[in-house]
């Protein structure tokens, strides 16, 4: 006899140009990985070890969809990010071998309850409720590395209602993709299906219900989504 748990779907992300989809295992995120964003958040942008946090896999919102404005916040922020899709797991992955674990790349929006994050920082508490809420991980279709290669530079940008808000280059990341994978794999066993949001540049700002968000990494992918009214 089936139970309600037998029908729980596993979140998946489309793979560009292919019929199959990418099943999401975990979502890892990197904080303060662009010096300009670290400064605008009041942090010292020195090259300290990456700051990692997680979002639940079912926080995924696919490009073209709508992310509901979350409860308990009045300051929802956008954060455009270059996203790495892991295709082969491992632990203690050397920097020199890290790219062999990458299936492909995408672009995402790490939605953040900024007011709750500020409260957590002030009291020394974790960021979970400010980062890991429902509909907090927007992502484009994944572009296989066999198609786009392993980009180390390219414009990353985000606009809201046609107005450009964030613009930088992924070459500006404090920790590059191989370094992120190597460090993350010393803390967790990476699995095929993991997504890594690699951090956001400066220019983060507030969103409102009804807003349209466009973003991308030139030469890799673009995404578009809207902000829906709060959950009923």
Protein backbone atom coordinates (compact mmCIF):
# COMPACT_ATOMS: atom_id res chain seq x y z
CA UNK A 1 0.00 0.00 0.00
CA UNK A 2 1.41 3.37 -0.98
CA UNK A 3 1.85 6.15 1.55
CA UNK A 4 1.94 9.91 0.87
CA UNK A 5 5.74 9.71 1.09
CA UNK A 6 5.96 7.39 -1.93
CA UNK A 7 4.91 10.16 -4.30
CA UNK A 8 7.21 12.94 -3.11
CA UNK A 9 8.99 14.16 -6.27
CA UNK A 10 12.72 14.82 -6.38
CA UNK A 11 13.44 18.35 -7.60
CA UNK A 12 14.94 18.45 -11.07
CA UNK A 13 16.40 21.16 -13.31
CA UNK A 14 16.15 20.97 -17.11
CA UNK A 15 19.32 20.36 -19.09
CA UNK A 16 19.53 22.70 -22.06
CA UNK A 17 19.11 20.93 -25.38
CA UNK A 18 18.40 17.53 -23.85
CA UNK A 19 15.35 15.51 -22.88
CA UNK A 20 16.73 14.40 -19.53
CA UNK A 21 16.78 16.54 -16.40
CA UNK A 22 19.32 17.09 -13.61
CA UNK A 23 18.05 15.63 -10.29
CA UNK A 24 19.01 17.94 -7.43
CA UNK A 25 20.70 16.36 -4.41
CA UNK A 26 21.82 19.38 -2.34
CA UNK A 27 22.19 23.12 -2.84
CA UNK A 28 25.38 24.65 -1.44
CA UNK A 29 25.97 28.41 -1.49
CA UNK A 30 29.07 30.54 -1.04
CA UNK A 31 28.84 33.79 0.91
CA UNK A 32 30.99 36.89 0.42
CA UNK A 33 32.78 35.63 -2.69
CA UNK A 34 33.01 39.04 -4.41
CA UNK A 35 34.99 41.75 -2.61
CA UNK A 36 32.58 44.52 -3.65
CA UNK A 37 29.60 42.66 -2.22
CA UNK A 38 31.52 41.87 0.98
CA UNK A 39 32.12 45.60 1.40
CA UNK A 40 28.49 46.55 0.79
CA UNK A 41 27.50 44.02 3.47
CA UNK A 42 30.00 45.54 5.90
CA UNK A 43 32.57 42.72 5.81
CA UNK A 44 36.31 42.70 5.24
CA UNK A 45 36.94 41.28 1.73
CA UNK A 46 40.14 39.47 2.62
CA UNK A 47 40.74 36.05 1.12
CA UNK A 48 39.56 34.08 4.13
CA UNK A 49 38.23 30.52 3.62
CA UNK A 50 34.87 30.46 1.81
CA UNK A 51 31.72 30.83 3.90
CA UNK A 52 29.23 28.06 3.02
CA UNK A 53 25.54 27.67 3.76
CA UNK A 54 22.80 25.46 2.31
CA UNK A 55 19.33 25.71 0.85
CA UNK A 56 16.88 22.78 0.67
CA UNK A 57 16.67 21.08 -2.71
CA UNK A 58 12.95 21.79 -2.93
CA UNK A 59 13.60 25.55 -2.74
CA UNK A 60 14.24 25.39 -6.50
CA UNK A 61 12.23 27.69 -8.78
CA UNK A 62 12.83 27.14 -12.48
CA UNK A 63 13.50 29.98 -14.89
CA UNK A 64 10.22 31.23 -16.31
CA UNK A 65 8.42 30.65 -13.02
CA UNK A 66 7.38 32.79 -10.09
CA UNK A 67 8.91 32.83 -6.62
CA UNK A 68 6.40 33.67 -3.91
CA UNK A 69 7.28 36.61 -1.66
CA UNK A 70 8.13 34.87 1.64
CA UNK A 71 6.57 35.57 5.04
CA UNK A 72 8.28 37.27 8.01
CA UNK A 73 10.25 39.75 5.89
CA UNK A 74 9.86 43.24 4.50
CA UNK A 75 13.24 43.25 2.73
CA UNK A 76 13.55 40.43 0.19
CA UNK A 77 16.76 40.80 -1.85
CA UNK A 78 18.03 39.43 -5.17
CA UNK A 79 21.52 37.93 -5.53
CA UNK A 80 22.56 36.86 -9.03
CA UNK A 81 24.96 33.89 -9.01
CA UNK A 82 27.00 31.63 -11.29
CA UNK A 83 25.87 28.07 -10.53
CA UNK A 84 27.94 24.89 -10.79
CA UNK A 85 26.23 21.52 -11.34
CA UNK A 86 28.20 18.56 -9.98
CA UNK A 87 28.14 15.41 -12.09
CA UNK A 88 30.61 13.23 -10.20
CA UNK A 89 30.94 13.05 -6.45
CA UNK A 90 33.96 12.84 -4.24
CA UNK A 91 35.77 13.88 -1.06
CA UNK A 92 39.01 15.81 -0.62
CA UNK A 93 39.00 16.71 -4.31
CA UNK A 94 42.30 18.37 -5.38
CA UNK A 95 42.01 21.75 -7.06
CA UNK A 96 43.74 20.29 -10.11
CA UNK A 97 40.98 17.67 -10.52
CA UNK A 98 37.97 19.72 -9.47
CA UNK A 99 36.64 20.59 -12.93
CA UNK A 100 36.41 16.90 -13.82
CA UNK A 101 33.59 16.70 -11.25
CA UNK A 102 31.52 19.39 -12.99
CA UNK A 103 28.60 18.39 -15.21
CA UNK A 104 27.67 21.89 -16.28
CA UNK A 105 26.76 25.44 -15.36
CA UNK A 106 23.71 27.63 -14.87
CA UNK A 107 22.75 31.01 -13.46
CA UNK A 108 20.64 31.46 -10.35
CA UNK A 109 19.11 33.95 -7.97
CA UNK A 110 19.87 33.38 -4.28
CA UNK A 111 16.83 35.10 -2.78
CA UNK A 112 17.52 36.41 0.72
CA UNK A 113 15.42 37.74 3.60
CA UNK A 114 17.93 40.50 4.26
CA UNK A 115 16.32 41.80 7.44
CA UNK A 116 16.37 38.34 9.01
CA UNK A 117 19.97 37.82 7.87
CA UNK A 118 21.00 41.09 9.52
CA UNK A 119 19.33 40.01 12.76
CA UNK A 120 21.11 36.64 12.62
CA UNK A 121 24.49 38.28 12.02
CA UNK A 122 23.96 40.71 14.89
CA UNK A 123 23.16 37.92 17.33
CA UNK A 124 25.68 35.38 16.01
CA UNK A 125 22.95 33.00 14.83
CA UNK A 126 22.89 30.81 11.68
CA UNK A 127 21.54 32.15 8.38
CA UNK A 128 19.08 29.30 7.77
CA UNK A 129 15.79 31.22 7.96
CA UNK A 130 17.18 34.11 5.92
CA UNK A 131 18.47 31.89 3.12
CA UNK A 132 16.79 28.47 3.12
CA UNK A 133 13.11 29.35 2.75
CA UNK A 134 10.57 28.16 0.17
CA UNK A 135 11.16 29.37 -3.41
CA UNK A 136 14.55 30.85 -2.50
CA UNK A 137 16.70 29.22 -5.22
CA UNK A 138 15.85 30.32 -8.76
CA UNK A 139 17.88 28.57 -11.46
CA UNK A 140 18.17 28.47 -15.24
CA UNK A 141 18.44 25.29 -17.30
CA UNK A 142 21.86 23.69 -16.93
CA UNK A 143 24.30 24.06 -19.79
CA UNK A 144 26.57 20.98 -20.06
CA UNK A 145 30.29 21.68 -19.80
CA UNK A 146 30.70 19.74 -23.04
CA UNK A 147 28.86 22.65 -24.69
CA UNK A 148 30.04 25.75 -22.80
CA UNK A 149 33.38 24.54 -21.47
CA UNK A 150 34.51 25.68 -18.02
CA UNK A 151 34.06 29.48 -17.99
CA UNK A 152 36.45 31.44 -15.79
CA UNK A 153 35.37 34.89 -16.96
CA UNK A 154 32.26 36.52 -18.34
CA UNK A 155 29.82 39.27 -17.42
CA UNK A 156 27.34 38.40 -14.66
CA UNK A 157 24.32 40.71 -14.44
CA UNK A 158 20.80 41.16 -13.10
CA UNK A 159 18.02 43.61 -13.89
CA UNK A 160 14.70 44.29 -12.18
CA UNK A 161 11.83 45.53 -14.35
CA UNK A 162 14.38 46.39 -17.04
CA UNK A 163 16.67 48.39 -14.73
CA UNK A 164 20.22 47.03 -14.37
CA UNK A 165 21.14 46.47 -10.72
CA UNK A 166 24.06 44.04 -10.62
CA UNK A 167 26.97 43.76 -13.05
CA UNK A 168 30.44 42.27 -12.63
CA UNK A 169 32.59 39.50 -14.06
CA UNK A 170 32.85 35.96 -12.68
CA UNK A 171 36.62 36.44 -12.89
CA UNK A 172 36.14 38.79 -9.92
CA UNK A 173 35.24 35.91 -7.59
CA UNK A 174 37.56 35.72 -4.59
CA UNK A 175 37.52 31.92 -4.76
CA UNK A 176 37.22 30.40 -8.25
CA UNK A 177 35.22 27.29 -9.12
CA UNK A 178 38.01 24.68 -8.70
CA UNK A 179 38.96 26.21 -5.33
CA UNK A 180 35.34 26.23 -4.15
CA UNK A 181 34.85 22.58 -5.10
CA UNK A 182 38.09 21.54 -3.42
CA UNK A 183 37.28 23.36 -0.18
CA UNK A 184 33.63 22.24 -0.08
CA UNK A 185 34.69 18.61 -0.57
CA UNK A 186 36.73 18.77 2.64
CA UNK A 187 33.52 19.55 4.55
CA UNK A 188 30.95 17.39 2.70
CA UNK A 189 30.96 14.38 0.43
CA UNK A 190 29.96 15.83 -2.91
CA UNK A 191 27.36 13.88 -4.89
CA UNK A 192 26.17 13.92 -8.46
CA UNK A 193 23.18 16.24 -8.39
CA UNK A 194 24.68 18.89 -6.12
CA UNK A 195 24.35 22.54 -7.12
CA UNK A 196 26.80 25.18 -5.94
CA UNK A 197 25.76 28.85 -5.99
CA UNK A 198 29.11 30.62 -6.11
CA UNK A 199 28.31 34.04 -4.61
CA UNK A 200 26.99 37.38 -5.78
CA UNK A 201 28.57 40.71 -6.76
CA UNK A 202 27.58 44.12 -5.39
CA UNK A 203 24.27 45.76 -6.17
CA UNK A 204 21.86 43.55 -4.24
CA UNK A 205 18.54 45.19 -3.52
CA UNK A 206 14.91 44.84 -2.57
CA UNK A 207 12.20 43.09 -4.58
CA UNK A 208 8.42 43.51 -4.51
CA UNK A 209 5.51 41.32 -5.64
CA UNK A 210 5.01 41.78 -9.37
CA UNK A 211 8.68 42.46 -10.13
CA UNK A 212 10.28 40.82 -13.16
CA UNK A 213 13.89 39.70 -12.72
CA UNK A 214 16.23 38.93 -15.61
CA UNK A 215 19.80 37.78 -15.17
CA UNK A 216 22.61 35.88 -16.74
CA UNK A 217 26.23 35.01 -17.21
CA UNK A 218 27.30 35.92 -20.72
CA UNK A 219 28.18 32.88 -22.78
CA UNK A 220 26.60 30.50 -20.26
CA UNK A 221 22.92 31.01 -19.51
CA UNK A 222 20.13 33.46 -18.77
CA UNK A 223 17.15 33.25 -16.46
CA UNK A 224 13.93 35.17 -15.93
CA UNK A 225 11.38 34.96 -13.16
CA UNK A 226 8.86 37.04 -11.28
CA UNK A 227 7.99 37.66 -7.66
CA UNK A 228 4.49 36.46 -6.84
CA UNK A 229 2.35 37.66 -3.98
CA UNK A 230 2.96 36.10 -0.55
CA UNK A 231 1.94 32.54 0.16
CA UNK A 232 -1.72 32.31 1.12
